[in-house]
Amino acid sequence: MSAYIIFNYKILDRSKIDELTKKVKPIDEKYGAEVIVGSPVKTIEGETLPNMVIYKFKTFETAKHWYYSKEHKEISVFRHAITEGWAAIIPGVDETDALVETGYFDCK
């Protein structure tokens, strides 16, 4: 089982990116988050922002707990001050069918 959280963003204040990384590491360790991509982006189709970070988690539930945790919400305030972009949570293939059946992806 696995799940991913993707951040695609532009950096507004590059001088604070290392501080953001330092602040989020203990939260990553607590929830078993693994950074599998942390890189500038070269878009080859469609539109993206110039930077991307992709986290891998053991389960979709763990990814949700990490993102919605009190600790991460505090970090999000800082991240929003120095970056601009979007984030998405994506279940791994093995969890997708079950989430679709629950209606998780239905638009309301």
C-alpha atoms as a PDB file:
ATOM      1  CA  MET A   1       0.000   0.000   0.000  1.00  0.00           C
ATOM      2  CA  SER A   2       1.130   3.546  -0.610  1.00  0.00           C
ATOM      3  CA  ALA A   3      -0.002   7.129  -1.068  1.00  0.00           C
ATOM      4  CA  TYR A   4       1.582  10.352  -2.224  1.00  0.00           C
ATOM      5  CA  ILE A   5       1.326  14.052  -1.503  1.00  0.00           C
ATOM      6  CA  ILE A   6       2.530  16.364  -4.243  1.00  0.00           C
ATOM      7  CA  PHE A   7       3.418  20.020  -3.825  1.00  0.00           C
ATOM      8  CA  ASN A   8       3.890  21.994  -7.057  1.00  0.00           C
ATOM      9  CA  TYR A   9       4.918  25.562  -6.366  1.00  0.00           C
ATOM     10  CA  LYS A  10       6.932  28.635  -7.152  1.00  0.00           C
ATOM     11  CA  ILE A  11       9.262  29.986  -4.509  1.00  0.00           C
ATOM     12  CA  LEU A  12       8.541  33.523  -3.328  1.00  0.00           C
ATOM     13  CA  ASP A  13      11.374  33.716  -0.774  1.00  0.00           C
ATOM     14  CA  ARG A  14      14.239  31.348  -1.603  1.00  0.00           C
ATOM     15  CA  SER A  15      16.188  32.441   1.505  1.00  0.00           C
ATOM     16  CA  LYS A  16      13.688  30.592   3.722  1.00  0.00           C
ATOM     17  CA  ILE A  17      13.454  27.241   1.890  1.00  0.00           C
ATOM     18  CA  ASP A  18      16.140  25.599   4.046  1.00  0.00           C
ATOM     19  CA  GLU A  19      14.250  26.755   7.145  1.00  0.00           C
ATOM     20  CA  LEU A  20      11.070  25.159   5.810  1.00  0.00           C
ATOM     21  CA  THR A  21      12.905  21.886   5.195  1.00  0.00           C
ATOM     22  CA  LYS A  22      14.356  21.941   8.703  1.00  0.00           C
ATOM     23  CA  LYS A  23      10.926  22.588  10.270  1.00  0.00           C
ATOM     24  CA  VAL A  24       9.146  19.809   8.373  1.00  0.00           C
ATOM     25  CA  LYS A  25      11.742  17.028   8.898  1.00  0.00           C
ATOM     26  CA  PRO A  26      10.595  16.053  12.425  1.00  0.00           C
ATOM     27  CA  ILE A  27       6.997  15.811  11.186  1.00  0.00           C
ATOM     28  CA  ASP A  28       8.124  13.693   8.241  1.00  0.00           C
ATOM     29  CA  GLU A  29       9.953  11.352  10.613  1.00  0.00           C
ATOM     30  CA  LYS A  30       6.956  11.088  12.946  1.00  0.00           C
ATOM     31  CA  TYR A  31       4.627  10.001  10.113  1.00  0.00           C
ATOM     32  CA  GLY A  32       7.141   8.010   8.076  1.00  0.00           C
ATOM     33  CA  ALA A  33       7.015  10.439   5.158  1.00  0.00           C
ATOM     34  CA  GLU A  34       9.666   9.863   2.514  1.00  0.00           C
ATOM     35  CA  VAL A  35      10.628  12.616   0.080  1.00  0.00           C
ATOM     36  CA  ILE A  36      10.962  10.841  -3.261  1.00  0.00           C
ATOM     37  CA  VAL A  37      11.164  13.992  -5.412  1.00  0.00           C
ATOM     38  CA  GLY A  38      12.441  17.419  -4.472  1.00  0.00           C
ATOM     39  CA  SER A  39      13.431  19.178  -7.654  1.00  0.00           C
ATOM     40  CA  PRO A  40      12.975  21.952 -10.135  1.00  0.00           C
ATOM     41  CA  VAL A  41      10.477  20.961 -12.852  1.00  0.00           C
ATOM     42  CA  LYS A  42      11.002  20.969 -16.604  1.00  0.00           C
ATOM     43  CA  THR A  43       7.504  20.899 -18.042  1.00  0.00           C
ATOM     44  CA  ILE A  44       7.165  18.807 -21.190  1.00  0.00           C
ATOM     45  CA  GLU A  45       3.382  18.985 -21.544  1.00  0.00           C
ATOM     46  CA  GLY A  46       0.685  21.203 -20.045  1.00  0.00           C
ATOM     47  CA  GLU A  47       1.357  23.698 -17.288  1.00  0.00           C
ATOM     48  CA  THR A  48       3.209  23.278 -14.023  1.00  0.00           C
ATOM     49  CA  LEU A  49       4.962  25.523 -11.581  1.00  0.00           C
ATOM     50  CA  PRO A  50       8.771  25.504 -11.408  1.00  0.00           C
ATOM     51  CA  ASN A  51       9.293  23.313  -8.298  1.00  0.00           C
ATOM     52  CA  MET A  52       7.937  20.032  -7.001  1.00  0.00           C
ATOM     53  CA  VAL A  53       8.157  17.922  -3.887  1.00  0.00           C
ATOM     54  CA  ILE A  54       6.577  14.467  -3.769  1.00  0.00           C
ATOM     55  CA  TYR A  55       6.167  12.613  -0.495  1.00  0.00           C
ATOM     56  CA  LYS A  56       5.523   8.890  -0.276  1.00  0.00           C
ATOM     57  CA  PHE A  57       3.587   7.374   2.637  1.00  0.00           C
ATOM     58  CA  LYS A  58       2.840   3.795   3.604  1.00  0.00           C
ATOM     59  CA  THR A  59      -0.936   4.330   3.414  1.00  0.00           C
ATOM     60  CA  PHE A  60      -3.483   6.901   2.331  1.00  0.00           C
ATOM     61  CA  GLU A  61      -4.598   7.301   5.949  1.00  0.00           C
ATOM     62  CA  THR A  62      -1.032   8.075   7.043  1.00  0.00           C
ATOM     63  CA  ALA A  63      -0.722  10.688   4.299  1.00  0.00           C
ATOM     64  CA  LYS A  64      -3.955  12.332   5.443  1.00  0.00           C
ATOM     65  CA  HIS A  65      -2.849  12.289   9.086  1.00  0.00           C
ATOM     66  CA  TRP A  66       0.457  13.925   8.132  1.00  0.00           C
ATOM     67  CA  TYR A  67      -1.145  16.661   6.020  1.00  0.00           C
ATOM     68  CA  TYR A  68      -3.973  17.480   8.440  1.00  0.00           C
ATOM     69  CA  SER A  69      -1.890  17.162  11.615  1.00  0.00           C
ATOM     70  CA  LYS A  70      -1.610  20.144  13.928  1.00  0.00           C
ATOM     71  CA  GLU A  71       2.162  20.214  13.379  1.00  0.00           C
ATOM     72  CA  HIS A  72       1.835  20.310   9.617  1.00  0.00           C
ATOM     73  CA  LYS A  73      -0.884  22.963   9.678  1.00  0.00           C
ATOM     74  CA  GLU A  74       1.554  25.213  11.552  1.00  0.00           C
ATOM     75  CA  ILE A  75       4.214  24.547   8.906  1.00  0.00           C
ATOM     76  CA  SER A  76       1.664  25.248   6.160  1.00  0.00           C
ATOM     77  CA  VAL A  77       1.299  28.837   7.346  1.00  0.00           C
ATOM     78  CA  PHE A  78       5.052  29.318   6.930  1.00  0.00           C
ATOM     79  CA  ARG A  79       5.081  27.465   3.581  1.00  0.00           C
ATOM     80  CA  HIS A  80       2.262  29.648   2.227  1.00  0.00           C
ATOM     81  CA  ALA A  81       4.255  32.764   3.160  1.00  0.00           C
ATOM     82  CA  ILE A  82       7.279  31.702   1.104  1.00  0.00           C
ATOM     83  CA  THR A  83       5.737  29.669  -1.739  1.00  0.00           C
ATOM     84  CA  GLU A  84       2.695  29.753  -3.978  1.00  0.00           C
ATOM     85  CA  GLY A  85       1.170  26.738  -5.637  1.00  0.00           C
ATOM     86  CA  TRP A  86      -0.961  23.668  -5.091  1.00  0.00           C
ATOM     87  CA  ALA A  87      -0.933  20.350  -3.266  1.00  0.00           C
ATOM     88  CA  ALA A  88      -2.672  17.052  -3.973  1.00  0.00           C
ATOM     89  CA  ILE A  89      -3.060  13.752  -2.153  1.00  0.00           C
ATOM     90  CA  ILE A  90      -3.065  10.643  -4.317  1.00  0.00           C
ATOM     91  CA  PRO A  91      -3.667   7.061  -3.234  1.00  0.00           C
ATOM     92  CA  GLY A  92      -1.441   4.322  -4.564  1.00  0.00           C
ATOM     93  CA  VAL A  93      -2.967   1.914  -7.061  1.00  0.00           C
ATOM     94  CA  ASP A  94      -3.697  -0.621  -4.329  1.00  0.00           C
ATOM     95  CA  GLU A  95      -5.900   1.833  -2.389  1.00  0.00           C
ATOM     96  CA  THR A  96      -7.611   3.653  -5.262  1.00  0.00           C
ATOM     97  CA  ASP A  97     -10.547   1.294  -5.868  1.00  0.00           C
ATOM     98  CA  ALA A  98     -11.546   1.239  -2.207  1.00  0.00           C
ATOM     99  CA  LEU A  99     -11.452   5.052  -2.011  1.00  0.00           C
ATOM    100  CA  VAL A 100     -13.472   5.431  -5.209  1.00  0.00           C
ATOM    101  CA  GLU A 101     -16.109   3.085  -3.765  1.00  0.00           C
ATOM    102  CA  THR A 102     -16.381   5.204  -0.605  1.00  0.00           C
ATOM    103  CA  GLY A 103     -17.195   8.283  -2.681  1.00  0.00           C
ATOM    104  CA  TYR A 104     -14.031  10.068  -1.541  1.00  0.00           C
ATOM    105  CA  PHE A 105     -13.436  11.545  -4.984  1.00  0.00           C
ATOM    106  CA  ASP A 106     -17.028  12.602  -5.686  1.00  0.00           C
ATOM    107  CA  CYS A 107     -17.461  16.330  -6.232  1.00  0.00           C
ATOM    108  CA  LYS A 108     -20.139  17.909  -4.067  1.00  0.00           C
END
